Amino acid sequence: ADAAWMTFRHRDGYTRVTDMAWSPCGRHLAVGYASSDRAVVWDAVSGQGRELDSFLPLAWLGASAGGVRFVRWASAGNMVAVCLSNARLLCLYETLTWTRHAHRTEGTLHDASFSPNGRYILGAANTRSSGSVWCYPLQARAPATRVSRGYKVQLWKTASGTSPPIRALAWSPTGERLAVVFATPLPPDDSPPADATEGSAAEACLGERASVALFLTECNSQTANIRAVFRGWIRPPPGVAGKAAG
């Protein structure tokens, strides 16, 4: 009989997969587990797994940060980002030597996305009632896993002056667009920043209470900061939202 094409990878102490990400070359798979604060990078050819070094501070010694929330692989394949469930830390691993640097974040990160050119990483940080997107520029000089001081990217403000919590974000492969999923629907009286949209088209989008927003991303030539410009809502086909809710 032909040999089975599927091989199961298992490591003692690592259970309940929370997230995973393929390397751009398709050989390595970074996997996060709820049972451990250390991610594992599996080699799909050899079957070997590498445990990434822990990046928890000494104050957490003997404690758990709730396991890995997400793992992200940079498009160039040179970096892996790992975030834990209960620690306000983002760790970047350089994939040649697997050296690491951990960076404190504002709020608990729920998602992150590398820019296609590898110069930035965006993180969606939430508190109990609000969310924000932070941009962390990656330093061009070695080691690339070090980041410059992060800054908040203005996306949206509600009538109360805060942004809703963010569930997910994704940067397009060209780096021109950013999709953001809000954890709660926005009320129809919320409006985008004053310079974001014009005319009744934006008002019509707002009335449908969509929770996926689309932004154009621009880079300031003088400061090199990322700016997001609201363009509209991504809406499901008619009837799809109602069926899903039912």
Protein backbone atom coordinates (compact mmCIF):
# COMPACT_ATOMS: atom_id res chain seq x y z
CA ALA A 1 0.00 0.00 0.00
CA ASP A 2 1.09 3.55 -0.59
CA ALA A 3 2.59 5.38 2.35
CA ALA A 4 0.30 7.83 4.10
CA TRP A 5 0.79 11.41 2.99
CA MET A 6 -0.15 12.86 6.37
CA THR A 7 2.21 13.02 9.33
CA PHE A 8 1.16 14.15 12.79
CA ARG A 9 3.50 16.45 14.71
CA HIS A 10 3.30 16.33 18.47
CA ARG A 11 5.40 17.69 21.31
CA ASP A 12 4.90 16.87 24.97
CA GLY A 13 3.39 19.74 26.91
CA TYR A 14 2.01 21.46 23.82
CA THR A 15 -1.74 21.12 23.35
CA ARG A 16 -4.66 23.09 21.91
CA VAL A 17 -3.37 24.97 18.88
CA THR A 18 -4.36 28.64 18.95
CA ASP A 19 -2.75 29.92 15.77
CA MET A 20 -0.28 29.02 13.04
CA ALA A 21 1.54 30.65 10.13
CA TRP A 22 3.52 29.23 7.21
CA SER A 23 6.88 30.64 6.24
CA PRO A 24 6.87 32.24 2.76
CA CYS A 25 9.03 29.38 1.44
CA GLY A 26 6.41 26.87 2.58
CA ARG A 27 8.80 24.67 4.54
CA HIS A 28 8.33 25.89 8.10
CA LEU A 29 5.16 26.24 10.14
CA ALA A 30 5.07 28.41 13.27
CA VAL A 31 2.48 27.15 15.74
CA GLY A 32 1.13 28.66 18.95
CA TYR A 33 -0.47 26.63 21.73
CA ALA A 34 -2.79 27.51 24.60
CA SER A 35 -0.84 25.25 26.96
CA SER A 36 2.52 26.98 26.53
CA ASP A 37 3.92 30.50 26.34
CA ARG A 38 6.50 29.32 23.80
CA ALA A 39 5.72 28.91 20.11
CA VAL A 40 7.12 26.00 18.09
CA VAL A 41 8.47 26.18 14.53
CA TRP A 42 8.01 22.88 12.69
CA ASP A 43 10.09 21.80 9.70
CA ALA A 44 7.64 20.17 7.30
CA VAL A 45 10.45 18.27 5.53
CA SER A 46 12.47 16.87 8.43
CA GLY A 47 9.61 16.76 10.93
CA GLN A 48 11.73 18.45 13.57
CA GLY A 49 10.32 21.14 15.85
CA ARG A 50 12.14 24.09 17.38
CA GLU A 51 10.86 25.60 20.60
CA LEU A 52 11.29 29.36 20.50
CA ASP A 53 12.90 30.87 23.58
CA SER A 54 10.57 32.35 26.16
CA PHE A 55 10.43 36.14 26.24
CA LEU A 56 8.54 36.60 29.50
CA PRO A 57 10.24 38.95 32.00
CA LEU A 58 11.63 37.57 35.27
CA ALA A 59 8.61 38.96 37.10
CA TRP A 60 6.54 36.26 35.38
CA LEU A 61 8.84 33.45 36.55
CA GLY A 62 6.72 30.43 37.42
CA ALA A 63 3.55 32.03 36.07
CA SER A 64 1.70 31.56 32.80
CA ALA A 65 0.76 34.25 30.30
CA GLY A 66 -2.18 32.23 29.02
CA GLY A 67 -0.44 30.66 26.05
CA VAL A 68 0.22 32.07 22.59
CA ARG A 69 -2.47 34.30 21.12
CA PHE A 70 -1.07 34.57 17.60
CA VAL A 71 1.99 34.04 15.42
CA ARG A 72 2.83 36.03 12.27
CA TRP A 73 5.52 35.47 9.65
CA ALA A 74 6.98 38.43 7.74
CA SER A 75 6.58 38.24 3.96
CA ALA A 76 10.37 38.22 3.50
CA GLY A 77 10.63 35.23 5.82
CA ASN A 78 13.22 36.92 8.02
CA MET A 79 11.04 37.47 11.09
CA VAL A 80 8.36 35.80 13.18
CA ALA A 81 6.13 37.77 15.55
CA VAL A 82 4.65 36.09 18.62
CA CYS A 83 2.16 37.53 21.09
CA LEU A 84 0.85 35.96 24.31
CA SER A 85 -2.74 36.03 25.55
CA ASN A 86 -2.25 37.81 28.88
CA ALA A 87 0.99 39.76 28.49
CA ARG A 88 1.37 43.17 26.90
CA LEU A 89 4.40 42.04 24.96
CA LEU A 90 5.20 41.54 21.28
CA CYS A 91 8.26 39.45 20.52
CA LEU A 92 10.10 39.43 17.19
CA TYR A 93 12.36 36.50 16.30
CA GLU A 94 15.00 36.73 13.58
CA THR A 95 14.75 33.46 11.67
CA LEU A 96 18.43 32.99 10.77
CA THR A 97 19.79 32.80 14.32
CA TRP A 98 16.44 32.91 16.20
CA THR A 99 17.59 35.82 18.33
CA ARG A 100 14.68 37.73 19.82
CA HIS A 101 13.61 41.06 21.21
CA ALA A 102 10.44 41.63 23.23
CA HIS A 103 8.62 44.96 23.13
CA ARG A 104 5.97 46.30 25.47
CA THR A 105 2.68 47.28 23.87
CA GLU A 106 -0.15 49.63 24.75
CA GLY A 107 -2.96 47.30 25.73
CA THR A 108 -3.32 43.60 24.95
CA LEU A 109 -2.59 42.79 21.32
CA HIS A 110 -5.33 40.86 19.53
CA ASP A 111 -3.73 40.80 16.09
CA ALA A 112 -0.72 42.06 14.16
CA SER A 113 0.33 42.41 10.55
CA PHE A 114 3.71 43.00 8.93
CA SER A 115 3.89 45.53 6.13
CA PRO A 116 4.73 43.88 2.78
CA ASN A 117 8.04 45.78 2.59
CA GLY A 118 9.03 44.55 6.05
CA ARG A 119 9.55 48.04 7.48
CA TYR A 120 6.59 48.12 9.89
CA ILE A 121 4.40 45.92 12.00
CA LEU A 122 0.91 47.02 13.00
CA GLY A 123 -0.62 45.77 16.23
CA ALA A 124 -4.29 45.94 17.27
CA ALA A 125 -4.31 46.68 21.01
CA ASN A 126 -7.50 46.58 23.06
CA THR A 127 -8.56 47.63 26.50
CA ARG A 128 -11.89 46.53 28.01
CA SER A 129 -13.96 49.02 26.03
CA SER A 130 -11.80 50.48 23.28
CA GLY A 131 -9.21 49.57 20.70
CA SER A 132 -6.37 51.18 18.81
CA VAL A 133 -3.80 50.36 16.16
CA TRP A 134 -0.15 50.94 16.92
CA CYS A 135 2.63 51.07 14.36
CA TYR A 136 6.09 49.82 15.29
CA PRO A 137 8.78 50.77 12.75
CA LEU A 138 11.38 48.04 12.35
CA GLN A 139 14.95 49.26 12.48
CA ALA A 140 16.85 48.97 9.21
CA ARG A 141 20.15 48.30 10.95
CA ALA A 142 20.93 45.02 12.66
CA PRO A 143 19.34 43.46 14.54
CA ALA A 144 16.14 43.83 12.55
CA THR A 145 14.10 42.51 15.46
CA ARG A 146 14.49 45.81 17.30
CA VAL A 147 11.75 48.36 16.76
CA SER A 148 11.61 52.11 17.11
CA ARG A 149 9.17 53.73 19.47
CA GLY A 150 5.61 52.88 18.46
CA TYR A 151 2.91 55.41 17.70
CA LYS A 152 -0.85 55.27 17.41
CA VAL A 153 -2.42 55.19 13.95
CA GLN A 154 -5.68 57.14 13.84
CA LEU A 155 -8.41 54.92 12.38
CA TRP A 156 -11.75 55.78 13.84
CA LYS A 157 -13.35 57.72 16.65
CA THR A 158 -16.89 57.19 17.91
CA ALA A 159 -19.15 59.88 19.31
CA SER A 160 -17.80 59.05 22.79
CA GLY A 161 -14.25 59.84 21.67
CA THR A 162 -12.92 56.27 21.67
CA SER A 163 -12.47 53.56 19.05
CA PRO A 164 -14.29 50.22 19.33
CA PRO A 165 -12.23 47.12 20.22
CA ILE A 166 -10.53 45.55 17.21
CA ARG A 167 -10.82 41.85 16.41
CA ALA A 168 -8.46 41.55 13.44
CA LEU A 169 -6.53 43.49 10.84
CA ALA A 170 -4.87 42.60 7.54
CA TRP A 171 -2.51 44.54 5.29
CA SER A 172 -2.91 43.92 1.56
CA PRO A 173 0.08 42.36 -0.28
CA THR A 174 0.73 45.67 -2.04
CA GLY A 175 0.71 47.65 1.20
CA GLU A 176 -1.89 50.05 -0.17
CA ARG A 177 -4.91 48.89 1.84
CA LEU A 178 -5.66 47.88 5.41
CA ALA A 179 -8.77 45.95 6.46
CA VAL A 180 -9.87 46.25 10.10
CA VAL A 181 -12.53 44.13 11.81
CA PHE A 182 -14.18 45.82 14.78
CA ALA A 183 -15.35 43.57 17.61
CA THR A 184 -18.69 45.39 17.88
CA PRO A 185 -20.88 46.95 15.19
CA LEU A 186 -20.62 50.72 14.97
CA PRO A 187 -23.83 52.70 15.54
CA PRO A 188 -25.12 54.55 12.48
CA ASP A 189 -24.45 58.00 14.00
CA ASP A 190 -20.68 57.37 14.10
CA SER A 191 -18.73 59.01 11.32
CA PRO A 192 -15.20 58.66 9.98
CA PRO A 193 -12.53 61.36 10.47
CA ALA A 194 -13.40 64.61 8.76
CA ASP A 195 -10.90 64.11 5.92
CA ALA A 196 -11.74 60.45 5.34
CA THR A 197 -14.77 60.46 3.04
CA GLU A 198 -17.12 62.81 1.32
CA GLY A 199 -20.76 62.78 0.29
CA SER A 200 -23.68 60.49 0.95
CA ALA A 201 -21.84 57.27 0.06
CA ALA A 202 -20.14 57.19 3.44
CA GLU A 203 -23.42 57.89 5.23
CA ALA A 204 -25.08 55.00 3.39
CA CYS A 205 -22.28 52.65 4.48
CA LEU A 206 -22.56 53.74 8.08
CA GLY A 207 -26.26 52.99 8.18
CA GLU A 208 -25.66 49.30 7.52
CA ARG A 209 -23.65 48.82 10.71
CA ALA A 210 -20.92 46.89 8.95
CA SER A 211 -17.96 46.00 11.14
CA VAL A 212 -15.23 45.55 8.50
CA ALA A 213 -13.64 48.85 7.51
CA LEU A 214 -11.28 49.49 4.62
CA PHE A 215 -8.49 52.07 4.79
CA LEU A 216 -5.84 53.30 2.40
CA THR A 217 -2.38 53.41 3.94
CA GLU A 218 0.06 56.20 3.20
CA CYS A 219 3.61 56.86 4.36
CA ASN A 220 4.64 60.39 5.30
CA SER A 221 7.78 61.17 3.28
CA GLN A 222 9.19 63.40 6.02
CA THR A 223 8.42 61.45 9.19
CA ALA A 224 8.08 57.95 7.63
CA ASN A 225 4.94 57.51 9.74
CA ILE A 226 2.03 55.43 8.46
CA ARG A 227 -1.30 57.20 7.98
CA ALA A 228 -4.63 55.43 7.44
CA VAL A 229 -7.40 57.03 5.36
CA PHE A 230 -10.91 55.64 5.75
CA ARG A 231 -12.45 54.58 2.41
CA GLY A 232 -15.60 52.68 3.32
CA TRP A 233 -17.14 49.47 4.61
CA ILE A 234 -16.83 45.97 3.24
CA ARG A 235 -20.39 44.71 3.15
CA PRO A 236 -21.68 41.14 2.58
CA PRO A 237 -24.05 40.44 -0.32
CA PRO A 238 -27.73 41.16 0.40
CA GLY A 239 -29.25 38.53 2.67
CA VAL A 240 -25.97 36.98 3.81
CA ALA A 241 -25.74 38.91 7.08
CA GLY A 242 -29.32 38.01 7.98
CA LYS A 243 -28.80 34.32 7.31
CA ALA A 244 -25.59 34.29 9.35
CA ALA A 245 -27.33 35.99 12.26
CA GLY A 246 -30.16 33.49 12.16
